[in-house]
Amino acid sequence: PPLSAGLRQQAVLAIGQELNRRALGGPTPGAWISQVRRRSSLLGSRLEDTLYSDQELAYIRQGEEAMQKALGILSNQEGWKKENQQTNGDKVLSKVVPDVGKVFRLEVVVDQPMERLYEELVERMEAMGEWNPNVKEIKVLQKIGKDTVITHELAAEAAGNLVGPRDFVSVRCAKRRGSTCVLAGMATHFGEMPEQKGVIRGEHGPTCMVLHPLAESPSKTKLTWLLSIDLKGWLPKTIINQVLSQTQVDFANHLRKHLESSPAPEARC
């Protein structure tokens, strides 16, 4: 039977607290995870006092799980191999994770304050297609509370059209504690956005971006992007690896170019 409003709110809080314990209580967390822990819980923030439906609760839980899994992958420093190293210091690493597959990790420093990146990547997510040629369109299909959204993303063809158009339906969760922001997501099912003719439905997840100011230069931002994606269809692994690694490098370049060429909107975070 459906949960009563009171029990439902207790369930949401219990889920948040448990995921917080799992995500931030693992062995040898990275320095940035330690920083988040010191600044109070990342995942256990009290959700708005809203009455969520069972489906909305499921999406909230899925977003929190995506964040917990992605942070768990990033916190394990073992086994990463270099895929791509740029002269400006940008690099892409990869590893194979049990039950997930091959994941890619972009590490870059952007000469912009974290608030500016948060604005572009979270508040203005739907405008990403205007500056990132790899994205044709992102639409927010549903917003749940203050942290969780369901999105539909239409990606452009890649590798000289060897990789045809793909779309993705994902649940995304954004959390900010102190000076660190984490944006996480994974594939989900949304009944009002069925698969479309001529477009292969890929699957994200778990993925996340971690943003935090450089300790020695707070006006600059360290961005770490964990990319885990299943493009579906029949594609050689060598092409997939090349496309995903290059997609991350291109993203960093397009983001820098966009931030340098456009005036900063008023930050709202």
C-alpha atoms as a PDB file:
ATOM      1  CA  PRO A   1       0.000   0.000   0.000  1.00  0.00           C
ATOM      2  CA  PRO A   2       1.189   3.609  -0.561  1.00  0.00           C
ATOM      3  CA  LEU A   3       3.125   5.157   2.295  1.00  0.00           C
ATOM      4  CA  SER A   4       1.458   7.830   4.349  1.00  0.00           C
ATOM      5  CA  ALA A   5       2.934  11.330   4.004  1.00  0.00           C
ATOM      6  CA  GLY A   6       4.710  11.097   7.365  1.00  0.00           C
ATOM      7  CA  LEU A   7       6.185   7.659   6.735  1.00  0.00           C
ATOM      8  CA  ARG A   8       7.225   8.709   3.246  1.00  0.00           C
ATOM      9  CA  GLN A   9       9.190  11.676   4.598  1.00  0.00           C
ATOM     10  CA  GLN A  10      10.860   9.409   7.171  1.00  0.00           C
ATOM     11  CA  ALA A  11      11.779   7.015   4.364  1.00  0.00           C
ATOM     12  CA  VAL A  12      13.351   9.818   2.295  1.00  0.00           C
ATOM     13  CA  LEU A  13      15.459  10.952   5.250  1.00  0.00           C
ATOM     14  CA  ALA A  14      16.483   7.395   6.112  1.00  0.00           C
ATOM     15  CA  ILE A  15      17.554   6.765   2.513  1.00  0.00           C
ATOM     16  CA  GLY A  16      19.626   9.956   2.485  1.00  0.00           C
ATOM     17  CA  GLN A  17      21.322   9.130   5.768  1.00  0.00           C
ATOM     18  CA  GLU A  18      22.130   5.567   4.730  1.00  0.00           C
ATOM     19  CA  LEU A  19      23.541   6.621   1.358  1.00  0.00           C
ATOM     20  CA  ASN A  20      25.561   9.321   3.053  1.00  0.00           C
ATOM     21  CA  ARG A  21      27.041   6.721   5.384  1.00  0.00           C
ATOM     22  CA  ARG A  22      27.930   4.414   2.493  1.00  0.00           C
ATOM     23  CA  ALA A  23      29.269   7.013   0.086  1.00  0.00           C
ATOM     24  CA  LEU A  24      31.437   8.901   2.547  1.00  0.00           C
ATOM     25  CA  GLY A  25      32.434   6.056   4.843  1.00  0.00           C
ATOM     26  CA  GLY A  26      34.477   3.995   2.385  1.00  0.00           C
ATOM     27  CA  PRO A  27      38.187   3.203   2.715  1.00  0.00           C
ATOM     28  CA  THR A  28      40.866   5.773   1.869  1.00  0.00           C
ATOM     29  CA  PRO A  29      38.623   8.480   0.398  1.00  0.00           C
ATOM     30  CA  GLY A  30      40.257  11.117  -1.766  1.00  0.00           C
ATOM     31  CA  ALA A  31      41.134  14.503  -0.331  1.00  0.00           C
ATOM     32  CA  TRP A  32      38.058  16.156  -1.791  1.00  0.00           C
ATOM     33  CA  ILE A  33      35.758  13.539  -0.260  1.00  0.00           C
ATOM     34  CA  SER A  34      37.398  14.171   3.110  1.00  0.00           C
ATOM     35  CA  GLN A  35      36.771  17.862   2.593  1.00  0.00           C
ATOM     36  CA  VAL A  36      33.100  17.195   1.932  1.00  0.00           C
ATOM     37  CA  ARG A  37      32.833  15.013   5.026  1.00  0.00           C
ATOM     38  CA  ARG A  38      34.305  17.775   7.189  1.00  0.00           C
ATOM     39  CA  ARG A  39      31.725  20.220   5.901  1.00  0.00           C
ATOM     40  CA  SER A  40      28.843  18.025   7.023  1.00  0.00           C
ATOM     41  CA  SER A  41      27.073  15.335   5.081  1.00  0.00           C
ATOM     42  CA  LEU A  42      26.956  15.453   1.306  1.00  0.00           C
ATOM     43  CA  LEU A  43      23.941  13.252   0.741  1.00  0.00           C
ATOM     44  CA  GLY A  44      21.991  13.458   3.969  1.00  0.00           C
ATOM     45  CA  SER A  45      20.601  16.940   3.487  1.00  0.00           C
ATOM     46  CA  ARG A  46      16.997  17.321   4.562  1.00  0.00           C
ATOM     47  CA  LEU A  47      14.731  17.281   1.552  1.00  0.00           C
ATOM     48  CA  GLU A  48      12.027  19.883   1.157  1.00  0.00           C
ATOM     49  CA  ASP A  49       8.870  19.228   3.143  1.00  0.00           C
ATOM     50  CA  THR A  50       6.958  18.237   0.055  1.00  0.00           C
ATOM     51  CA  LEU A  51       4.626  15.342  -0.439  1.00  0.00           C
ATOM     52  CA  TYR A  52       6.376  13.106  -2.957  1.00  0.00           C
ATOM     53  CA  SER A  53       4.610  10.402  -4.936  1.00  0.00           C
ATOM     54  CA  ASP A  54       6.023   6.883  -4.845  1.00  0.00           C
ATOM     55  CA  GLN A  55       7.449   7.429  -8.351  1.00  0.00           C
ATOM     56  CA  GLU A  56       9.102  10.695  -7.307  1.00  0.00           C
ATOM     57  CA  LEU A  57      10.569   8.963  -4.275  1.00  0.00           C
ATOM     58  CA  ALA A  58      11.985   6.278  -6.566  1.00  0.00           C
ATOM     59  CA  TYR A  59      13.644   8.939  -8.757  1.00  0.00           C
ATOM     60  CA  ILE A  60      15.112  10.691  -5.693  1.00  0.00           C
ATOM     61  CA  ARG A  61      16.480   7.372  -4.459  1.00  0.00           C
ATOM     62  CA  GLN A  62      17.924   6.575  -7.884  1.00  0.00           C
ATOM     63  CA  GLY A  63      19.673   9.951  -8.084  1.00  0.00           C
ATOM     64  CA  GLU A  64      21.177   9.456  -4.618  1.00  0.00           C
ATOM     65  CA  GLU A  65      22.328   5.951  -5.567  1.00  0.00           C
ATOM     66  CA  ALA A  66      23.969   7.285  -8.739  1.00  0.00           C
ATOM     67  CA  MET A  67      25.884   9.784  -6.640  1.00  0.00           C
ATOM     68  CA  GLN A  68      26.933   7.187  -4.081  1.00  0.00           C
ATOM     69  CA  LYS A  69      28.150   4.742  -6.765  1.00  0.00           C
ATOM     70  CA  ALA A  70      29.981   7.387  -8.783  1.00  0.00           C
ATOM     71  CA  LEU A  71      31.755   8.828  -5.735  1.00  0.00           C
ATOM     72  CA  GLY A  72      32.707   5.302  -4.717  1.00  0.00           C
ATOM     73  CA  ILE A  73      34.370   4.723  -8.109  1.00  0.00           C
ATOM     74  CA  LEU A  74      36.232   8.041  -7.974  1.00  0.00           C
ATOM     75  CA  SER A  75      37.444   7.478  -4.417  1.00  0.00           C
ATOM     76  CA  ASN A  76      39.265   4.279  -5.424  1.00  0.00           C
ATOM     77  CA  GLN A  77      42.622   5.447  -6.800  1.00  0.00           C
ATOM     78  CA  GLU A  78      43.774   1.981  -7.912  1.00  0.00           C
ATOM     79  CA  GLY A  79      43.981   0.810 -11.505  1.00  0.00           C
ATOM     80  CA  TRP A  80      43.474   4.027 -13.488  1.00  0.00           C
ATOM     81  CA  LYS A  81      45.277   4.117 -16.869  1.00  0.00           C
ATOM     82  CA  LYS A  82      46.028   7.220 -18.915  1.00  0.00           C
ATOM     83  CA  GLU A  83      43.941   7.492 -22.100  1.00  0.00           C
ATOM     84  CA  ASN A  84      44.663  11.050 -23.163  1.00  0.00           C
ATOM     85  CA  GLN A  85      47.037  13.797 -21.980  1.00  0.00           C
ATOM     86  CA  GLN A  86      46.809  17.337 -23.343  1.00  0.00           C
ATOM     87  CA  THR A  87      49.595  19.931 -23.312  1.00  0.00           C
ATOM     88  CA  ASN A  88      47.435  22.217 -21.134  1.00  0.00           C
ATOM     89  CA  GLY A  89      47.331  19.583 -18.377  1.00  0.00           C
ATOM     90  CA  ASP A  90      43.892  18.143 -19.165  1.00  0.00           C
ATOM     91  CA  LYS A  91      43.923  14.380 -18.894  1.00  0.00           C
ATOM     92  CA  VAL A  92      41.577  11.435 -19.336  1.00  0.00           C
ATOM     93  CA  LEU A  93      42.049   8.240 -17.329  1.00  0.00           C
ATOM     94  CA  SER A  94      40.122   4.977 -17.557  1.00  0.00           C
ATOM     95  CA  LYS A  95      39.565   1.734 -15.702  1.00  0.00           C
ATOM     96  CA  VAL A  96      37.254  -1.264 -15.811  1.00  0.00           C
ATOM     97  CA  VAL A  97      34.875  -1.410 -12.849  1.00  0.00           C
ATOM     98  CA  PRO A  98      33.089  -4.661 -11.914  1.00  0.00           C
ATOM     99  CA  ASP A  99      29.347  -4.593 -12.715  1.00  0.00           C
ATOM    100  CA  VAL A 100      29.755  -1.227 -14.462  1.00  0.00           C
ATOM    101  CA  GLY A 101      32.275  -1.701 -17.282  1.00  0.00           C
ATOM    102  CA  LYS A 102      34.843   0.751 -18.599  1.00  0.00           C
ATOM    103  CA  VAL A 103      34.643   4.236 -17.112  1.00  0.00           C
ATOM    104  CA  PHE A 104      36.484   7.410 -18.084  1.00  0.00           C
ATOM    105  CA  ARG A 105      37.736  10.141 -15.766  1.00  0.00           C
ATOM    106  CA  LEU A 106      38.463  13.663 -16.993  1.00  0.00           C
ATOM    107  CA  GLU A 107      40.579  15.900 -14.742  1.00  0.00           C
ATOM    108  CA  VAL A 108      40.922  19.567 -15.671  1.00  0.00           C
ATOM    109  CA  VAL A 109      41.465  22.956 -14.094  1.00  0.00           C
ATOM    110  CA  VAL A 110      39.229  25.751 -15.375  1.00  0.00           C
ATOM    111  CA  ASP A 111      40.288  29.366 -14.885  1.00  0.00           C
ATOM    112  CA  GLN A 112      36.846  30.361 -13.579  1.00  0.00           C
ATOM    113  CA  PRO A 113      35.251  30.375 -10.107  1.00  0.00           C
ATOM    114  CA  MET A 114      33.203  27.357  -9.116  1.00  0.00           C
ATOM    115  CA  GLU A 115      29.981  29.390  -8.946  1.00  0.00           C
ATOM    116  CA  ARG A 116      30.337  30.121 -12.658  1.00  0.00           C
ATOM    117  CA  LEU A 117      30.663  26.438 -13.561  1.00  0.00           C
ATOM    118  CA  TYR A 118      27.750  25.546 -11.288  1.00  0.00           C
ATOM    119  CA  GLU A 119      25.634  28.139 -13.057  1.00  0.00           C
ATOM    120  CA  GLU A 120      26.402  26.727 -16.505  1.00  0.00           C
ATOM    121  CA  LEU A 121      26.288  23.011 -15.692  1.00  0.00           C
ATOM    122  CA  VAL A 122      23.285  23.000 -13.318  1.00  0.00           C
ATOM    123  CA  GLU A 123      21.218  26.179 -13.514  1.00  0.00           C
ATOM    124  CA  ARG A 124      21.609  26.567 -17.302  1.00  0.00           C
ATOM    125  CA  MET A 125      21.817  22.884 -18.196  1.00  0.00           C
ATOM    126  CA  GLU A 126      19.257  23.206 -21.005  1.00  0.00           C
ATOM    127  CA  ALA A 127      21.498  25.744 -22.808  1.00  0.00           C
ATOM    128  CA  MET A 128      24.417  23.294 -23.109  1.00  0.00           C
ATOM    129  CA  GLY A 129      23.593  22.525 -26.744  1.00  0.00           C
ATOM    130  CA  GLU A 130      24.344  26.164 -27.592  1.00  0.00           C
ATOM    131  CA  TRP A 131      28.060  25.783 -26.798  1.00  0.00           C
ATOM    132  CA  ASN A 132      28.798  22.047 -26.832  1.00  0.00           C
ATOM    133  CA  PRO A 133      28.565  20.631 -30.406  1.00  0.00           C
ATOM    134  CA  ASN A 134      28.430  17.079 -29.024  1.00  0.00           C
ATOM    135  CA  VAL A 135      25.017  17.868 -27.507  1.00  0.00           C
ATOM    136  CA  LYS A 136      22.109  18.698 -29.792  1.00  0.00           C
ATOM    137  CA  GLU A 137      19.627  19.331 -27.001  1.00  0.00           C
ATOM    138  CA  ILE A 138      18.995  18.809 -23.297  1.00  0.00           C
ATOM    139  CA  LYS A 139      15.503  19.167 -21.872  1.00  0.00           C
ATOM    140  CA  VAL A 140      14.392  18.949 -18.252  1.00  0.00           C
ATOM    141  CA  LEU A 141      11.345  16.660 -18.313  1.00  0.00           C
ATOM    142  CA  GLN A 142      10.544  16.856 -14.595  1.00  0.00           C
ATOM    143  CA  LYS A 143      11.954  18.598 -11.541  1.00  0.00           C
ATOM    144  CA  ILE A 144      11.589  16.867  -8.170  1.00  0.00           C
ATOM    145  CA  GLY A 145      12.383  18.898  -5.073  1.00  0.00           C
ATOM    146  CA  LYS A 146      15.412  21.146  -5.212  1.00  0.00           C
ATOM    147  CA  ASP A 147      18.073  18.557  -6.087  1.00  0.00           C
ATOM    148  CA  THR A 148      16.651  16.089  -8.629  1.00  0.00           C
ATOM    149  CA  VAL A 149      15.650  16.380 -12.297  1.00  0.00           C
ATOM    150  CA  ILE A 150      14.740  13.973 -15.098  1.00  0.00           C
ATOM    151  CA  THR A 151      16.377  14.969 -18.395  1.00  0.00           C
ATOM    152  CA  HIS A 152      16.272  13.990 -22.054  1.00  0.00           C
ATOM    153  CA  GLU A 153      19.537  14.482 -23.942  1.00  0.00           C
ATOM    154  CA  LEU A 154      19.952  14.193 -27.700  1.00  0.00           C
ATOM    155  CA  ALA A 155      23.596  13.674 -28.668  1.00  0.00           C
ATOM    156  CA  ALA A 156      25.149  14.527 -32.017  1.00  0.00           C
ATOM    157  CA  GLU A 157      26.683  11.953 -34.362  1.00  0.00           C
ATOM    158  CA  ALA A 158      30.348  11.235 -33.651  1.00  0.00           C
ATOM    159  CA  ALA A 159      33.512   9.823 -35.250  1.00  0.00           C
ATOM    160  CA  GLY A 160      32.632  10.883 -38.775  1.00  0.00           C
ATOM    161  CA  ASN A 161      29.070   9.583 -38.377  1.00  0.00           C
ATOM    162  CA  LEU A 162      30.310   6.095 -37.423  1.00  0.00           C
ATOM    163  CA  VAL A 163      28.404   6.617 -34.189  1.00  0.00           C
ATOM    164  CA  GLY A 164      24.884   7.649 -35.155  1.00  0.00           C
ATOM    165  CA  PRO A 165      22.503   9.817 -33.137  1.00  0.00           C
ATOM    166  CA  ARG A 166      21.878   8.693 -29.565  1.00  0.00           C
ATOM    167  CA  ASP A 167      19.505   9.906 -26.909  1.00  0.00           C
ATOM    168  CA  PHE A 168      19.498   9.422 -23.150  1.00  0.00           C
ATOM    169  CA  VAL A 169      16.865   9.698 -20.432  1.00  0.00           C
ATOM    170  CA  SER A 170      18.544  10.245 -17.072  1.00  0.00           C
ATOM    171  CA  VAL A 171      17.864  11.151 -13.474  1.00  0.00           C
ATOM    172  CA  ARG A 172      20.303  13.832 -12.291  1.00  0.00           C
ATOM    173  CA  CYS A 173      21.054  14.911  -8.760  1.00  0.00           C
ATOM    174  CA  ALA A 174      23.001  18.021  -7.688  1.00  0.00           C
ATOM    175  CA  LYS A 175      24.334  18.457  -4.151  1.00  0.00           C
ATOM    176  CA  ARG A 176      26.437  21.228  -2.747  1.00  0.00           C
ATOM    177  CA  ARG A 177      28.166  21.289   0.618  1.00  0.00           C
ATOM    178  CA  GLY A 178      30.621  24.008   1.499  1.00  0.00           C
ATOM    179  CA  SER A 179      33.000  24.576  -1.398  1.00  0.00           C
ATOM    180  CA  THR A 180      32.351  21.265  -3.175  1.00  0.00           C
ATOM    181  CA  CYS A 181      29.577  20.527  -5.653  1.00  0.00           C
ATOM    182  CA  VAL A 182      28.704  17.098  -7.046  1.00  0.00           C
ATOM    183  CA  LEU A 183      26.439  16.525 -10.054  1.00  0.00           C
ATOM    184  CA  ALA A 184      25.528  12.868 -10.546  1.00  0.00           C
ATOM    185  CA  GLY A 185      23.240  10.879 -12.803  1.00  0.00           C
ATOM    186  CA  MET A 186      22.258   7.594 -14.365  1.00  0.00           C
ATOM    187  CA  ALA A 187      19.815   6.164 -16.896  1.00  0.00           C
ATOM    188  CA  THR A 188      16.190   5.957 -15.865  1.00  0.00           C
ATOM    189  CA  HIS A 189      12.788   5.156 -17.366  1.00  0.00           C
ATOM    190  CA  PHE A 190      10.338   7.981 -17.987  1.00  0.00           C
ATOM    191  CA  GLY A 191       7.039   6.881 -19.501  1.00  0.00           C
ATOM    192  CA  GLU A 192       6.406  10.145 -21.332  1.00  0.00           C
ATOM    193  CA  MET A 193       9.693   9.905 -23.278  1.00  0.00           C
ATOM    194  CA  PRO A 194       9.655   6.571 -25.154  1.00  0.00           C
ATOM    195  CA  GLU A 195      12.382   5.580 -27.606  1.00  0.00           C
ATOM    196  CA  GLN A 196      12.270   7.594 -30.827  1.00  0.00           C
ATOM    197  CA  LYS A 197      12.430   6.293 -34.391  1.00  0.00           C
ATOM    198  CA  GLY A 198      15.890   6.519 -35.937  1.00  0.00           C
ATOM    199  CA  VAL A 199      17.608   7.279 -32.613  1.00  0.00           C
ATOM    200  CA  ILE A 200      19.308   4.624 -30.483  1.00  0.00           C
ATOM    201  CA  ARG A 201      18.565   4.970 -26.760  1.00  0.00           C
ATOM    202  CA  GLY A 202      21.870   4.804 -24.876  1.00  0.00           C
ATOM    203  CA  GLU A 203      22.324   4.588 -21.125  1.00  0.00           C
ATOM    204  CA  HIS A 204      24.344   6.761 -18.767  1.00  0.00           C
ATOM    205  CA  GLY A 205      25.538   5.737 -15.417  1.00  0.00           C
ATOM    206  CA  PRO A 206      26.599   6.073 -12.898  1.00  0.00           C
ATOM    207  CA  THR A 207      28.263   9.360 -13.867  1.00  0.00           C
ATOM    208  CA  CYS A 208      29.201  12.480 -11.941  1.00  0.00           C
ATOM    209  CA  MET A 209      31.057  15.779 -12.051  1.00  0.00           C
ATOM    210  CA  VAL A 210      32.857  17.071  -8.979  1.00  0.00           C
ATOM    211  CA  LEU A 211      33.640  20.790  -8.780  1.00  0.00           C
ATOM    212  CA  HIS A 212      35.738  22.486  -6.138  1.00  0.00           C
ATOM    213  CA  PRO A 213      38.024  25.534  -5.971  1.00  0.00           C
ATOM    214  CA  LEU A 214      41.774  24.985  -6.153  1.00  0.00           C
ATOM    215  CA  ALA A 215      43.187  25.317  -2.644  1.00  0.00           C
ATOM    216  CA  GLU A 216      46.096  27.466  -3.856  1.00  0.00           C
ATOM    217  CA  SER A 217      43.961  29.522  -6.247  1.00  0.00           C
ATOM    218  CA  PRO A 218      40.267  29.714  -5.184  1.00  0.00           C
ATOM    219  CA  SER A 219      39.268  31.657  -8.324  1.00  0.00           C
ATOM    220  CA  LYS A 220      40.060  28.514 -10.363  1.00  0.00           C
ATOM    221  CA  THR A 221      38.058  25.283 -10.322  1.00  0.00           C
ATOM    222  CA  LYS A 222      39.154  21.650 -10.411  1.00  0.00           C
ATOM    223  CA  LEU A 223      36.621  19.672 -12.445  1.00  0.00           C
ATOM    224  CA  THR A 224      36.585  15.870 -12.329  1.00  0.00           C
ATOM    225  CA  TRP A 225      34.123  14.136 -14.653  1.00  0.00           C
ATOM    226  CA  LEU A 226      33.413  10.426 -14.307  1.00  0.00           C
ATOM    227  CA  LEU A 227      31.794   9.172 -17.517  1.00  0.00           C
ATOM    228  CA  SER A 228      30.130   5.769 -17.662  1.00  0.00           C
ATOM    229  CA  ILE A 229      28.035   5.171 -20.734  1.00  0.00           C
ATOM    230  CA  ASP A 230      26.576   2.386 -22.857  1.00  0.00           C
ATOM    231  CA  LEU A 231      26.094   3.602 -26.433  1.00  0.00           C
ATOM    232  CA  LYS A 232      24.148   0.448 -27.383  1.00  0.00           C
ATOM    233  CA  GLY A 233      24.114  -0.772 -30.974  1.00  0.00           C
ATOM    234  CA  TRP A 234      27.052  -2.616 -32.550  1.00  0.00           C
ATOM    235  CA  LEU A 235      30.278  -0.631 -32.235  1.00  0.00           C
ATOM    236  CA  PRO A 236      33.911  -1.782 -31.964  1.00  0.00           C
ATOM    237  CA  LYS A 237      35.341  -1.092 -28.502  1.00  0.00           C
ATOM    238  CA  THR A 238      38.302   0.792 -29.985  1.00  0.00           C
ATOM    239  CA  ILE A 239      35.925   3.321 -31.578  1.00  0.00           C
ATOM    240  CA  ILE A 240      33.846   3.630 -28.403  1.00  0.00           C
ATOM    241  CA  ASN A 241      36.954   4.261 -26.288  1.00  0.00           C
ATOM    242  CA  GLN A 242      38.278   6.832 -28.732  1.00  0.00           C
ATOM    243  CA  VAL A 243      34.934   8.642 -28.993  1.00  0.00           C
ATOM    244  CA  LEU A 244      34.317   8.805 -25.219  1.00  0.00           C
ATOM    245  CA  SER A 245      37.852   9.939 -24.403  1.00  0.00           C
ATOM    246  CA  GLN A 246      37.728  12.629 -27.117  1.00  0.00           C
ATOM    247  CA  THR A 247      34.227  13.699 -26.014  1.00  0.00           C
ATOM    248  CA  GLN A 248      35.596  14.518 -22.556  1.00  0.00           C
ATOM    249  CA  VAL A 249      38.563  16.490 -23.929  1.00  0.00           C
ATOM    250  CA  ASP A 250      36.264  18.378 -26.311  1.00  0.00           C
ATOM    251  CA  PHE A 251      33.852  19.171 -23.474  1.00  0.00           C
ATOM    252  CA  ALA A 252      36.609  20.865 -21.456  1.00  0.00           C
ATOM    253  CA  ASN A 253      37.683  22.937 -24.459  1.00  0.00           C
ATOM    254  CA  HIS A 254      34.136  23.976 -25.388  1.00  0.00           C
ATOM    255  CA  LEU A 255      33.348  24.859 -21.762  1.00  0.00           C
ATOM    256  CA  ARG A 256      36.446  27.070 -21.451  1.00  0.00           C
ATOM    257  CA  LYS A 257      35.733  28.801 -24.753  1.00  0.00           C
ATOM    258  CA  HIS A 258      32.113  29.445 -23.779  1.00  0.00           C
ATOM    259  CA  LEU A 259      32.986  30.821 -20.326  1.00  0.00           C
ATOM    260  CA  GLU A 260      35.645  33.119 -21.753  1.00  0.00           C
ATOM    261  CA  SER A 261      33.422  34.469 -24.520  1.00  0.00           C
ATOM    262  CA  SER A 262      30.169  35.030 -22.608  1.00  0.00           C
ATOM    263  CA  PRO A 263      29.468  37.459 -19.767  1.00  0.00           C
ATOM    264  CA  ALA A 264      28.912  35.841 -16.391  1.00  0.00           C
ATOM    265  CA  PRO A 265      25.218  35.642 -15.499  1.00  0.00           C
ATOM    266  CA  GLU A 266      24.229  36.442 -11.938  1.00  0.00           C
ATOM    267  CA  ALA A 267      25.143  33.373  -9.877  1.00  0.00           C
ATOM    268  CA  ARG A 268      22.171  31.979  -7.984  1.00  0.00           C
ATOM    269  CA  CYS A 269      23.856  29.426  -5.765  1.00  0.00           C
END
